[in-house]
Amino acid sequence: MHELIKYQFNTRRKKYGTGAALSLLNGNVGREVLAFHKKLPNYAVTPLHNLAHLSRRLGLGSIHIKDESWRFGLNAFKGLGGSYAVGKISR
């Protein structure tokens, strides 16, 4: 299942990090991380929930949130980063 997600960059955001740190964030790394997680038992795509009431109230087209409350019983997405780091180090 592929869905189109539209987003808006905050042009007034503060810029953090350096070129060296930001160079780690690229499509190849993203594909590697996704491939790693897809191999984990019980991996599933994160469900998105539509906050239609809130988006109408704010005058926005739509608002969706990721539901990570069920992810590996951790109630947080941070477990994915930890599992990837441990997997990467243990190779």
N, C-alpha and C. Protein backbone atom coordinates (compact mmCIF):
# COMPACT_ATOMS: atom_id res chain seq x y z
N MET A 1 0.84 -1.17 0.00
CA MET A 1 0.00 0.00 0.00
C MET A 1 0.89 1.24 0.00
N HIS A 2 0.69 2.10 -0.97
CA HIS A 2 1.43 3.35 -1.05
C HIS A 2 0.43 4.49 -1.05
N GLU A 3 0.66 5.44 -0.19
CA GLU A 3 -0.21 6.61 -0.13
C GLU A 3 0.63 7.85 -0.28
N LEU A 4 0.09 8.84 -0.92
CA LEU A 4 0.78 10.10 -1.09
C LEU A 4 0.65 10.91 0.19
N ILE A 5 1.77 11.35 0.69
CA ILE A 5 1.77 12.19 1.89
C ILE A 5 2.34 13.55 1.49
N LYS A 6 1.60 14.58 1.74
CA LYS A 6 2.07 15.94 1.46
C LYS A 6 2.54 16.56 2.77
N TYR A 7 3.58 17.35 2.69
CA TYR A 7 4.08 18.00 3.89
C TYR A 7 4.61 19.38 3.55
N GLN A 8 4.77 20.19 4.55
CA GLN A 8 5.24 21.57 4.38
C GLN A 8 6.48 21.74 5.24
N PHE A 9 7.57 22.19 4.62
CA PHE A 9 8.77 22.48 5.39
C PHE A 9 8.62 23.81 6.11
N ASN A 10 9.13 23.88 7.33
CA ASN A 10 9.14 25.12 8.09
C ASN A 10 10.36 25.92 7.64
N THR A 11 10.15 26.96 6.85
CA THR A 11 11.26 27.75 6.32
C THR A 11 11.94 28.60 7.39
N ARG A 12 11.31 28.75 8.55
CA ARG A 12 11.90 29.54 9.64
C ARG A 12 12.58 28.68 10.69
N ARG A 13 12.68 27.39 10.42
CA ARG A 13 13.28 26.49 11.42
C ARG A 13 14.75 26.85 11.61
N LYS A 14 15.24 26.56 12.79
CA LYS A 14 16.65 26.75 13.07
C LYS A 14 17.41 25.60 12.44
N LYS A 15 18.56 25.89 11.91
CA LYS A 15 19.37 24.86 11.28
C LYS A 15 20.35 24.31 12.30
N TYR A 16 20.26 23.02 12.54
CA TYR A 16 21.13 22.36 13.49
C TYR A 16 22.03 21.39 12.74
N GLY A 17 23.10 21.01 13.38
CA GLY A 17 23.98 20.00 12.80
C GLY A 17 24.96 20.59 11.81
N THR A 18 25.83 19.72 11.37
CA THR A 18 26.83 20.11 10.39
C THR A 18 26.65 19.25 9.16
N GLY A 19 27.38 19.57 8.14
CA GLY A 19 27.33 18.77 6.92
C GLY A 19 27.66 17.32 7.19
N ALA A 20 28.61 17.07 8.09
CA ALA A 20 29.01 15.69 8.39
C ALA A 20 27.86 14.91 9.00
N ALA A 21 27.17 15.51 9.95
CA ALA A 21 26.05 14.82 10.58
C ALA A 21 24.90 14.64 9.60
N LEU A 22 24.62 15.66 8.84
CA LEU A 22 23.50 15.59 7.91
C LEU A 22 23.77 14.67 6.74
N SER A 23 25.03 14.42 6.44
CA SER A 23 25.36 13.52 5.32
C SER A 23 24.94 12.09 5.62
N LEU A 24 24.72 11.77 6.89
CA LEU A 24 24.27 10.43 7.26
C LEU A 24 22.82 10.19 6.87
N LEU A 25 22.08 11.25 6.65
CA LEU A 25 20.66 11.15 6.33
C LEU A 25 20.48 11.24 4.83
N ASN A 26 20.43 10.10 4.18
CA ASN A 26 20.22 10.09 2.74
C ASN A 26 19.36 8.89 2.37
N GLY A 27 18.96 8.83 1.12
CA GLY A 27 18.08 7.76 0.67
C GLY A 27 18.66 6.38 0.84
N ASN A 28 19.96 6.23 0.62
CA ASN A 28 20.57 4.90 0.76
C ASN A 28 20.49 4.42 2.20
N VAL A 29 20.78 5.29 3.14
CA VAL A 29 20.71 4.92 4.55
C VAL A 29 19.26 4.60 4.92
N GLY A 30 18.34 5.39 4.46
CA GLY A 30 16.93 5.13 4.73
C GLY A 30 16.49 3.77 4.22
N ARG A 31 16.91 3.41 3.01
CA ARG A 31 16.55 2.10 2.46
C ARG A 31 17.20 0.98 3.27
N GLU A 32 18.44 1.18 3.72
CA GLU A 32 19.13 0.18 4.54
C GLU A 32 18.39 -0.04 5.87
N VAL A 33 18.00 1.04 6.50
CA VAL A 33 17.30 0.95 7.79
C VAL A 33 15.95 0.25 7.60
N LEU A 34 15.22 0.61 6.55
CA LEU A 34 13.92 -0.02 6.30
C LEU A 34 14.09 -1.52 6.04
N ALA A 35 15.08 -1.89 5.24
CA ALA A 35 15.33 -3.31 4.96
C ALA A 35 15.65 -4.07 6.24
N PHE A 36 16.43 -3.45 7.13
CA PHE A 36 16.76 -4.08 8.41
C PHE A 36 15.49 -4.35 9.22
N HIS A 37 14.65 -3.32 9.35
CA HIS A 37 13.45 -3.45 10.18
C HIS A 37 12.44 -4.42 9.58
N LYS A 38 12.37 -4.52 8.27
CA LYS A 38 11.44 -5.45 7.65
C LYS A 38 11.78 -6.90 7.96
N LYS A 39 13.03 -7.15 8.35
CA LYS A 39 13.45 -8.51 8.70
C LYS A 39 13.08 -8.89 10.13
N LEU A 40 12.71 -7.92 10.95
CA LEU A 40 12.37 -8.20 12.35
C LEU A 40 11.02 -8.91 12.45
N PRO A 41 10.93 -9.86 13.39
CA PRO A 41 9.62 -10.51 13.59
C PRO A 41 8.58 -9.46 14.00
N ASN A 42 7.39 -9.63 13.53
CA ASN A 42 6.26 -8.75 13.86
C ASN A 42 6.38 -7.34 13.29
N TYR A 43 7.29 -7.13 12.31
CA TYR A 43 7.38 -5.81 11.70
C TYR A 43 6.08 -5.54 10.93
N ALA A 44 5.60 -4.33 11.01
CA ALA A 44 4.43 -3.91 10.23
C ALA A 44 4.53 -2.42 9.97
N VAL A 45 3.93 -1.99 8.90
CA VAL A 45 3.89 -0.56 8.58
C VAL A 45 3.11 0.15 9.68
N THR A 46 3.59 1.31 10.09
CA THR A 46 2.94 2.08 11.13
C THR A 46 1.60 2.63 10.63
N PRO A 47 0.53 2.38 11.37
CA PRO A 47 -0.76 2.94 10.94
C PRO A 47 -0.80 4.46 11.14
N LEU A 48 -1.49 5.11 10.22
CA LEU A 48 -1.73 6.55 10.33
C LEU A 48 -3.19 6.75 10.71
N HIS A 49 -3.43 7.65 11.64
CA HIS A 49 -4.79 7.97 12.05
C HIS A 49 -5.13 9.38 11.58
N ASN A 50 -6.30 9.52 11.00
CA ASN A 50 -6.77 10.80 10.50
C ASN A 50 -7.42 11.59 11.63
N LEU A 51 -6.92 12.78 11.88
CA LEU A 51 -7.51 13.66 12.90
C LEU A 51 -8.42 14.67 12.20
N ALA A 52 -9.49 14.16 11.60
CA ALA A 52 -10.38 14.99 10.79
C ALA A 52 -10.99 16.14 11.60
N HIS A 53 -11.41 15.87 12.82
CA HIS A 53 -12.03 16.91 13.64
C HIS A 53 -11.04 18.06 13.89
N LEU A 54 -9.82 17.72 14.24
CA LEU A 54 -8.81 18.74 14.50
C LEU A 54 -8.45 19.51 13.24
N SER A 55 -8.30 18.80 12.12
CA SER A 55 -7.95 19.50 10.88
C SER A 55 -9.05 20.46 10.45
N ARG A 56 -10.31 20.06 10.63
CA ARG A 56 -11.42 20.98 10.31
C ARG A 56 -11.38 22.19 11.23
N ARG A 57 -11.15 21.96 12.51
CA ARG A 57 -11.11 23.05 13.49
C ARG A 57 -9.99 24.05 13.18
N LEU A 58 -8.87 23.54 12.68
CA LEU A 58 -7.73 24.40 12.36
C LEU A 58 -7.76 24.92 10.93
N GLY A 59 -8.74 24.50 10.17
CA GLY A 59 -8.85 24.95 8.78
C GLY A 59 -7.80 24.34 7.87
N LEU A 60 -7.38 23.12 8.18
CA LEU A 60 -6.37 22.44 7.37
C LEU A 60 -7.03 21.33 6.57
N GLY A 61 -6.40 20.95 5.47
CA GLY A 61 -6.93 19.88 4.65
C GLY A 61 -7.03 18.57 5.40
N SER A 62 -5.97 18.19 6.08
CA SER A 62 -6.00 16.97 6.90
C SER A 62 -4.77 16.93 7.81
N ILE A 63 -4.92 16.21 8.89
CA ILE A 63 -3.82 15.94 9.81
C ILE A 63 -3.83 14.45 10.09
N HIS A 64 -2.68 13.82 9.95
CA HIS A 64 -2.54 12.40 10.26
C HIS A 64 -1.41 12.23 11.26
N ILE A 65 -1.56 11.28 12.16
CA ILE A 65 -0.49 10.99 13.10
C ILE A 65 -0.12 9.51 13.00
N LYS A 66 1.15 9.24 13.24
CA LYS A 66 1.61 7.85 13.29
C LYS A 66 1.28 7.27 14.65
N ASP A 67 0.81 6.04 14.66
CA ASP A 67 0.49 5.37 15.92
C ASP A 67 1.58 4.35 16.23
N GLU A 68 2.51 4.73 17.07
CA GLU A 68 3.60 3.84 17.46
C GLU A 68 3.33 3.17 18.80
N SER A 69 2.13 3.32 19.33
CA SER A 69 1.83 2.81 20.67
C SER A 69 1.91 1.30 20.76
N TRP A 70 1.82 0.62 19.66
CA TRP A 70 1.82 -0.85 19.65
C TRP A 70 3.17 -1.42 19.25
N ARG A 71 4.10 -0.60 18.79
CA ARG A 71 5.35 -1.06 18.18
C ARG A 71 6.18 -1.90 19.14
N PHE A 72 6.28 -3.18 18.89
CA PHE A 72 7.10 -4.12 19.66
C PHE A 72 6.83 -4.02 21.17
N GLY A 73 5.64 -3.58 21.55
CA GLY A 73 5.28 -3.47 22.95
C GLY A 73 6.02 -2.37 23.70
N LEU A 74 6.60 -1.42 22.97
CA LEU A 74 7.42 -0.39 23.61
C LEU A 74 6.70 0.94 23.81
N ASN A 75 5.57 1.14 23.17
CA ASN A 75 4.87 2.42 23.22
C ASN A 75 5.70 3.59 22.73
N ALA A 76 6.66 3.34 21.85
CA ALA A 76 7.49 4.42 21.33
C ALA A 76 8.19 3.99 20.06
N PHE A 77 8.44 4.94 19.18
CA PHE A 77 9.16 4.64 17.95
C PHE A 77 10.66 4.53 18.19
N LYS A 78 11.13 5.02 19.31
CA LYS A 78 12.57 5.05 19.58
C LYS A 78 13.19 3.66 19.59
N GLY A 79 12.40 2.65 19.84
CA GLY A 79 12.90 1.29 19.83
C GLY A 79 13.46 0.89 18.48
N LEU A 80 12.94 1.48 17.42
CA LEU A 80 13.45 1.16 16.09
C LEU A 80 14.87 1.65 15.91
N GLY A 81 15.16 2.83 16.40
CA GLY A 81 16.53 3.35 16.32
C GLY A 81 17.49 2.51 17.13
N GLY A 82 17.06 2.11 18.31
CA GLY A 82 17.90 1.28 19.17
C GLY A 82 18.16 -0.08 18.55
N SER A 83 17.13 -0.70 17.99
CA SER A 83 17.31 -2.02 17.38
C SER A 83 18.24 -1.93 16.18
N TYR A 84 18.12 -0.86 15.41
CA TYR A 84 19.00 -0.70 14.25
C TYR A 84 20.44 -0.49 14.70
N ALA A 85 20.65 0.34 15.71
CA ALA A 85 22.01 0.61 16.21
C ALA A 85 22.67 -0.67 16.72
N VAL A 86 21.93 -1.45 17.50
CA VAL A 86 22.48 -2.71 18.03
C VAL A 86 22.76 -3.68 16.88
N GLY A 87 21.84 -3.76 15.94
CA GLY A 87 22.05 -4.64 14.79
C GLY A 87 23.25 -4.24 13.96
N LYS A 88 23.45 -2.96 13.79
CA LYS A 88 24.58 -2.44 13.00
C LYS A 88 25.90 -2.74 13.71
N ILE A 89 25.95 -2.54 15.01
CA ILE A 89 27.18 -2.76 15.78
C ILE A 89 27.51 -4.25 15.86
N SER A 90 26.50 -5.09 15.93
CA SER A 90 26.75 -6.52 16.14
C SER A 90 27.12 -7.28 14.87
N ARG A 91 27.14 -6.62 13.74
CA ARG A 91 27.52 -7.30 12.49
C ARG A 91 28.97 -7.64 12.46
